[in-house]
Amino acid sequence: VARHAAYLPEEIHDRLGLRAAPRATTLGRV
């Protein structure tokens, strides 16, 4: 999931409101 997030186009990051791709540890904690 984290790798997928890192390779998403910037437009998708903007639509989701993400400044950067989260790490796997962040996703796991949430």
All heavy atoms as atom14 arrays in JSON, in Angstrom:
{
  "sequence": "VARHAAYLPEEIHDRLGLRAAPRATTLGRV",
  "atom14_mask": [
    [1, 1, 1, 1, 1, 1, 1, 0, 0, 0, 0, 0, 0, 0],
    [1, 1, 1, 1, 1, 0, 0, 0, 0, 0, 0, 0, 0, 0],
    [1, 1, 1, 1, 1, 1, 1, 1, 1, 1, 1, 0, 0, 0],
    [1, 1, 1, 1, 1, 1, 1, 1, 1, 1, 0, 0, 0, 0],
    [1, 1, 1, 1, 1, 0, 0, 0, 0, 0, 0, 0, 0, 0],
    [1, 1, 1, 1, 1, 0, 0, 0, 0, 0, 0, 0, 0, 0],
    [1, 1, 1, 1, 1, 1, 1, 1, 1, 1, 1, 1, 0, 0],
    [1, 1, 1, 1, 1, 1, 1, 1, 0, 0, 0, 0, 0, 0],
    [1, 1, 1, 1, 1, 1, 1, 0, 0, 0, 0, 0, 0, 0],
    [1, 1, 1, 1, 1, 1, 1, 1, 1, 0, 0, 0, 0, 0],
    [1, 1, 1, 1, 1, 1, 1, 1, 1, 0, 0, 0, 0, 0],
    [1, 1, 1, 1, 1, 1, 1, 1, 0, 0, 0, 0, 0, 0],
    [1, 1, 1, 1, 1, 1, 1, 1, 1, 1, 0, 0, 0, 0],
    [1, 1, 1, 1, 1, 1, 1, 1, 0, 0, 0, 0, 0, 0],
    [1, 1, 1, 1, 1, 1, 1, 1, 1, 1, 1, 0, 0, 0],
    [1, 1, 1, 1, 1, 1, 1, 1, 0, 0, 0, 0, 0, 0],
    [1, 1, 1, 1, 0, 0, 0, 0, 0, 0, 0, 0, 0, 0],
    [1, 1, 1, 1, 1, 1, 1, 1, 0, 0, 0, 0, 0, 0],
    [1, 1, 1, 1, 1, 1, 1, 1, 1, 1, 1, 0, 0, 0],
    [1, 1, 1, 1, 1, 0, 0, 0, 0, 0, 0, 0, 0, 0],
    [1, 1, 1, 1, 1, 0, 0, 0, 0, 0, 0, 0, 0, 0],
    [1, 1, 1, 1, 1, 1, 1, 0, 0, 0, 0, 0, 0, 0],
    [1, 1, 1, 1, 1, 1, 1, 1, 1, 1, 1, 0, 0, 0],
    [1, 1, 1, 1, 1, 0, 0, 0, 0, 0, 0, 0, 0, 0],
    [1, 1, 1, 1, 1, 1, 1, 0, 0, 0, 0, 0, 0, 0],
    [1, 1, 1, 1, 1, 1, 1, 0, 0, 0, 0, 0, 0, 0],
    [1, 1, 1, 1, 1, 1, 1, 1, 0, 0, 0, 0, 0, 0],
    [1, 1, 1, 1, 0, 0, 0, 0, 0, 0, 0, 0, 0, 0],
    [1, 1, 1, 1, 1, 1, 1, 1, 1, 1, 1, 0, 0, 0],
    [1, 1, 1, 1, 1, 1, 1, 0, 0, 0, 0, 0, 0, 0]
  ],
  "atom14_positions": [
    [[0.85, -1.2, 0.0], [0.0, 0.0, 0.0], [0.88, 1.25, 0.0], [0.64, 2.19, -0.75], [-0.96, 0.0, 1.21], [-1.7, 1.34, 1.31], [-1.95, -1.14, 1.11], [0.0, 0.0, 0.0], [0.0, 0.0, 0.0], [0.0, 0.0, 0.0], [0.0, 0.0, 0.0], [0.0, 0.0, 0.0], [0.0, 0.0, 0.0], [0.0, 0.0, 0.0]],
    [[1.92, 1.25, 0.82], [2.83, 2.41, 0.88], [3.55, 2.6, -0.45], [3.73, 3.74, -0.92], [3.83, 2.22, 2.02], [0.0, 0.0, 0.0], [0.0, 0.0, 0.0], [0.0, 0.0, 0.0], [0.0, 0.0, 0.0], [0.0, 0.0, 0.0], [0.0, 0.0, 0.0], [0.0, 0.0, 0.0], [0.0, 0.0, 0.0], [0.0, 0.0, 0.0]],
    [[3.99, 1.5, -1.08], [4.64, 1.61, -2.4], [3.67, 2.17, -3.43], [4.03, 3.02, -4.25], [5.16, 0.25, -2.85], [6.51, -0.11, -2.32], [7.12, -1.3, -3.04], [6.25, -2.47, -3.06], [6.18, -3.38, -2.1], [6.93, -3.26, -1.03], [5.37, -4.42, -2.22], [0.0, 0.0, 0.0], [0.0, 0.0, 0.0], [0.0, 0.0, 0.0]],
    [[2.45, 1.68, -3.38], [1.42, 2.17, -4.31], [1.22, 3.67, -4.12], [1.12, 4.42, -5.08], [0.11, 1.41, -4.09], [-0.94, 1.72, -5.09], [-0.96, 1.17, -6.34], [-2.0, 2.55, -5.02], [-1.99, 1.64, -7.0], [-2.65, 2.48, -6.23], [0.0, 0.0, 0.0], [0.0, 0.0, 0.0], [0.0, 0.0, 0.0], [0.0, 0.0, 0.0]],
    [[1.17, 4.1, -2.87], [0.98, 5.52, -2.56], [2.14, 6.36, -3.09], [1.95, 7.47, -3.57], [0.84, 5.72, -1.05], [0.0, 0.0, 0.0], [0.0, 0.0, 0.0], [0.0, 0.0, 0.0], [0.0, 0.0, 0.0], [0.0, 0.0, 0.0], [0.0, 0.0, 0.0], [0.0, 0.0, 0.0], [0.0, 0.0, 0.0], [0.0, 0.0, 0.0]],
    [[3.34, 5.82, -3.0], [4.51, 6.56, -3.45], [4.51, 6.78, -4.96], [5.07, 7.77, -5.45], [5.78, 5.82, -3.04], [0.0, 0.0, 0.0], [0.0, 0.0, 0.0], [0.0, 0.0, 0.0], [0.0, 0.0, 0.0], [0.0, 0.0, 0.0], [0.0, 0.0, 0.0], [0.0, 0.0, 0.0], [0.0, 0.0, 0.0], [0.0, 0.0, 0.0]],
    [[3.88, 5.87, -5.69], [3.88, 5.97, -7.15], [2.61, 6.55, -7.74], [2.47, 6.63, -8.96], [4.18, 4.6, -7.77], [5.59, 4.15, -7.5], [5.85, 3.12, -6.62], [6.66, 4.79, -8.1], [7.14, 2.71, -6.36], [7.97, 4.4, -7.84], [8.2, 3.35, -6.97], [9.48, 2.96, -6.71], [0.0, 0.0, 0.0], [0.0, 0.0, 0.0]],
    [[1.68, 6.95, -6.89], [0.47, 7.58, -7.41], [0.8, 8.93, -8.03], [1.68, 9.64, -7.54], [-0.55, 7.79, -6.29], [-1.34, 6.58, -5.84], [-2.21, 6.95, -4.64], [-2.2, 6.04, -6.95], [0.0, 0.0, 0.0], [0.0, 0.0, 0.0], [0.0, 0.0, 0.0], [0.0, 0.0, 0.0], [0.0, 0.0, 0.0], [0.0, 0.0, 0.0]],
    [[0.08, 9.33, -9.06], [0.31, 10.65, -9.65], [0.02, 11.77, -8.64], [-0.8, 11.61, -7.73], [-0.7, 10.71, -10.8], [-1.09, 9.3, -11.07], [-0.93, 8.56, -9.79], [0.0, 0.0, 0.0], [0.0, 0.0, 0.0], [0.0, 0.0, 0.0], [0.0, 0.0, 0.0], [0.0, 0.0, 0.0], [0.0, 0.0, 0.0], [0.0, 0.0, 0.0]],
    [[0.69, 12.86, -8.82], [0.53, 14.02, -7.93], [-0.92, 14.49, -7.87], [-1.39, 14.94, -6.84], [1.44, 15.15, -8.39], [1.6, 16.27, -7.4], [2.3, 15.82, -6.13], [3.19, 14.97, -6.2], [1.93, 16.33, -5.05], [0.0, 0.0, 0.0], [0.0, 0.0, 0.0], [0.0, 0.0, 0.0], [0.0, 0.0, 0.0], [0.0, 0.0, 0.0]],
    [[-1.62, 14.36, -8.97], [-3.03, 14.76, -9.02], [-3.87, 13.97, -8.01], [-4.74, 14.53, -7.33], [-3.6, 14.55, -10.42], [-5.06, 14.87, -10.53], [-5.64, 14.51, -11.89], [-4.88, 14.31, -12.84], [-6.87, 14.44, -11.99], [0.0, 0.0, 0.0], [0.0, 0.0, 0.0], [0.0, 0.0, 0.0], [0.0, 0.0, 0.0], [0.0, 0.0, 0.0]],
    [[-3.59, 12.69, -7.87], [-4.32, 11.85, -6.91], [-3.96, 12.26, -5.49], [-4.83, 12.36, -4.62], [-4.03, 10.35, -7.13], [-4.37, 9.94, -8.56], [-4.75, 9.49, -6.1], [-5.82, 10.08, -8.91], [0.0, 0.0, 0.0], [0.0, 0.0, 0.0], [0.0, 0.0, 0.0], [0.0, 0.0, 0.0], [0.0, 0.0, 0.0], [0.0, 0.0, 0.0]],
    [[-2.69, 12.53, -5.25], [-2.27, 13.01, -3.92], [-3.02, 14.29, -3.57], [-3.49, 14.46, -2.44], [-0.76, 13.28, -3.89], [0.05, 12.04, -3.73], [1.11, 11.97, -2.87], [-0.03, 10.82, -4.3], [1.65, 10.77, -2.93], [0.98, 10.06, -3.79], [0.0, 0.0, 0.0], [0.0, 0.0, 0.0], [0.0, 0.0, 0.0], [0.0, 0.0, 0.0]],
    [[-3.13, 15.19, -4.53], [-3.82, 16.45, -4.3], [-5.31, 16.23, -4.01], [-5.87, 16.84, -3.11], [-3.68, 17.39, -5.51], [-2.26, 17.9, -5.69], [-1.45, 17.8, -4.72], [-1.94, 18.36, -6.79], [0.0, 0.0, 0.0], [0.0, 0.0, 0.0], [0.0, 0.0, 0.0], [0.0, 0.0, 0.0], [0.0, 0.0, 0.0], [0.0, 0.0, 0.0]],
    [[-5.94, 15.35, -4.77], [-7.36, 15.07, -4.56], [-7.63, 14.44, -3.21], [-8.66, 14.68, -2.59], [-7.89, 14.17, -5.66], [-8.09, 14.87, -6.96], [-8.74, 13.97, -7.95], [-9.0, 14.69, -9.18], [-9.7, 14.2, -10.17], [-10.2, 12.99, -10.08], [-9.89, 14.91, -11.25], [0.0, 0.0, 0.0], [0.0, 0.0, 0.0], [0.0, 0.0, 0.0]],
    [[-6.69, 13.62, -2.74], [-6.85, 12.99, -1.44], [-6.44, 13.91, -0.29], [-6.76, 13.65, 0.85], [-6.03, 11.7, -1.36], [-6.49, 10.55, -2.25], [-5.51, 9.4, -2.15], [-7.89, 10.1, -1.86], [0.0, 0.0, 0.0], [0.0, 0.0, 0.0], [0.0, 0.0, 0.0], [0.0, 0.0, 0.0], [0.0, 0.0, 0.0], [0.0, 0.0, 0.0]],
    [[-5.73, 14.98, -0.63], [-5.27, 15.89, 0.42], [-3.98, 15.42, 1.07], [-3.7, 15.77, 2.22], [0.0, 0.0, 0.0], [0.0, 0.0, 0.0], [0.0, 0.0, 0.0], [0.0, 0.0, 0.0], [0.0, 0.0, 0.0], [0.0, 0.0, 0.0], [0.0, 0.0, 0.0], [0.0, 0.0, 0.0], [0.0, 0.0, 0.0], [0.0, 0.0, 0.0]],
    [[-3.19, 14.64, 0.36], [-1.92, 14.15, 0.89], [-0.77, 15.02, 0.41], [-0.64, 15.28, -0.77], [-1.68, 12.71, 0.42], [-2.67, 11.66, 0.9], [-2.4, 10.35, 0.18], [-2.56, 11.48, 2.4], [0.0, 0.0, 0.0], [0.0, 0.0, 0.0], [0.0, 0.0, 0.0], [0.0, 0.0, 0.0], [0.0, 0.0, 0.0], [0.0, 0.0, 0.0]],
    [[0.05, 15.45, 1.35], [1.24, 16.22, 0.97], [2.37, 15.29, 0.54], [3.18, 15.62, -0.31], [1.71, 17.08, 2.13], [0.76, 18.23, 2.41], [1.1, 18.86, 3.7], [0.54, 17.96, 4.72], [0.69, 18.11, 6.0], [1.4, 19.1, 6.46], [0.15, 17.27, 6.84], [0.0, 0.0, 0.0], [0.0, 0.0, 0.0], [0.0, 0.0, 0.0]],
    [[2.41, 14.12, 1.17], [3.42, 13.11, 0.85], [2.8, 11.74, 1.07], [1.77, 11.61, 1.72], [4.64, 13.29, 1.76], [0.0, 0.0, 0.0], [0.0, 0.0, 0.0], [0.0, 0.0, 0.0], [0.0, 0.0, 0.0], [0.0, 0.0, 0.0], [0.0, 0.0, 0.0], [0.0, 0.0, 0.0], [0.0, 0.0, 0.0], [0.0, 0.0, 0.0]],
    [[3.44, 10.73, 0.54], [2.95, 9.37, 0.71], [3.28, 8.88, 2.12], [4.42, 9.0, 2.56], [3.58, 8.45, -0.32], [0.0, 0.0, 0.0], [0.0, 0.0, 0.0], [0.0, 0.0, 0.0], [0.0, 0.0, 0.0], [0.0, 0.0, 0.0], [0.0, 0.0, 0.0], [0.0, 0.0, 0.0], [0.0, 0.0, 0.0], [0.0, 0.0, 0.0]],
    [[2.31, 8.35, 2.83], [2.58, 7.84, 4.18], [3.39, 6.54, 4.12], [3.33, 5.81, 3.14], [1.19, 7.59, 4.75], [0.32, 7.38, 3.57], [0.9, 8.22, 2.47], [0.0, 0.0, 0.0], [0.0, 0.0, 0.0], [0.0, 0.0, 0.0], [0.0, 0.0, 0.0], [0.0, 0.0, 0.0], [0.0, 0.0, 0.0], [0.0, 0.0, 0.0]],
    [[4.12, 6.28, 5.18], [4.9, 5.04, 5.28], [4.0, 3.91, 5.75], [2.93, 4.12, 6.32], [6.04, 5.23, 6.25], [7.03, 6.24, 5.75], [8.14, 6.38, 6.72], [9.09, 7.38, 6.23], [10.35, 7.4, 6.56], [10.82, 6.53, 7.42], [11.15, 8.32, 6.06], [0.0, 0.0, 0.0], [0.0, 0.0, 0.0], [0.0, 0.0, 0.0]],
    [[4.48, 2.7, 5.55], [3.73, 1.51, 5.96], [3.49, 1.51, 7.47], [2.42, 1.1, 7.92], [4.47, 0.25, 5.53], [0.0, 0.0, 0.0], [0.0, 0.0, 0.0], [0.0, 0.0, 0.0], [0.0, 0.0, 0.0], [0.0, 0.0, 0.0], [0.0, 0.0, 0.0], [0.0, 0.0, 0.0], [0.0, 0.0, 0.0], [0.0, 0.0, 0.0]],
    [[4.46, 1.97, 8.25], [4.28, 1.99, 9.71], [3.16, 2.94, 10.11], [2.39, 2.64, 11.03], [5.58, 2.39, 10.42], [6.06, 3.63, 9.89], [6.65, 1.33, 10.24], [0.0, 0.0, 0.0], [0.0, 0.0, 0.0], [0.0, 0.0, 0.0], [0.0, 0.0, 0.0], [0.0, 0.0, 0.0], [0.0, 0.0, 0.0], [0.0, 0.0, 0.0]],
    [[3.05, 4.06, 9.44], [1.97, 5.0, 9.71], [0.62, 4.36, 9.4], [-0.31, 4.44, 10.21], [2.14, 6.28, 8.87], [3.4, 6.88, 9.2], [1.01, 7.27, 9.11], [0.0, 0.0, 0.0], [0.0, 0.0, 0.0], [0.0, 0.0, 0.0], [0.0, 0.0, 0.0], [0.0, 0.0, 0.0], [0.0, 0.0, 0.0], [0.0, 0.0, 0.0]],
    [[0.53, 3.72, 8.27], [-0.71, 3.06, 7.89], [-1.07, 1.96, 8.89], [-2.23, 1.82, 9.28], [-0.59, 2.48, 6.48], [-0.41, 3.5, 5.36], [-0.03, 2.8, 4.07], [-1.65, 4.34, 5.19], [0.0, 0.0, 0.0], [0.0, 0.0, 0.0], [0.0, 0.0, 0.0], [0.0, 0.0, 0.0], [0.0, 0.0, 0.0], [0.0, 0.0, 0.0]],
    [[-0.08, 1.2, 9.31], [-0.32, 0.13, 10.25], [-0.84, 0.64, 11.6], [-1.76, 0.07, 12.18], [0.0, 0.0, 0.0], [0.0, 0.0, 0.0], [0.0, 0.0, 0.0], [0.0, 0.0, 0.0], [0.0, 0.0, 0.0], [0.0, 0.0, 0.0], [0.0, 0.0, 0.0], [0.0, 0.0, 0.0], [0.0, 0.0, 0.0], [0.0, 0.0, 0.0]],
    [[-0.24, 1.73, 12.09], [-0.68, 2.31, 13.36], [-2.12, 2.81, 13.27], [-2.94, 2.58, 14.16], [0.24, 3.44, 13.79], [1.53, 2.97, 14.4], [2.26, 4.11, 15.09], [2.49, 5.25, 14.21], [3.59, 5.44, 13.49], [4.57, 4.56, 13.53], [3.73, 6.5, 12.73], [0.0, 0.0, 0.0], [0.0, 0.0, 0.0], [0.0, 0.0, 0.0]],
    [[-2.45, 3.48, 12.18], [-3.81, 4.02, 12.02], [-4.82, 2.89, 11.91], [-5.86, 2.92, 12.58], [-3.89, 4.95, 10.78], [-5.32, 5.3, 10.45], [-3.08, 6.2, 11.01], [0.0, 0.0, 0.0], [0.0, 0.0, 0.0], [0.0, 0.0, 0.0], [0.0, 0.0, 0.0], [0.0, 0.0, 0.0], [0.0, 0.0, 0.0], [0.0, 0.0, 0.0]]
  ]
}
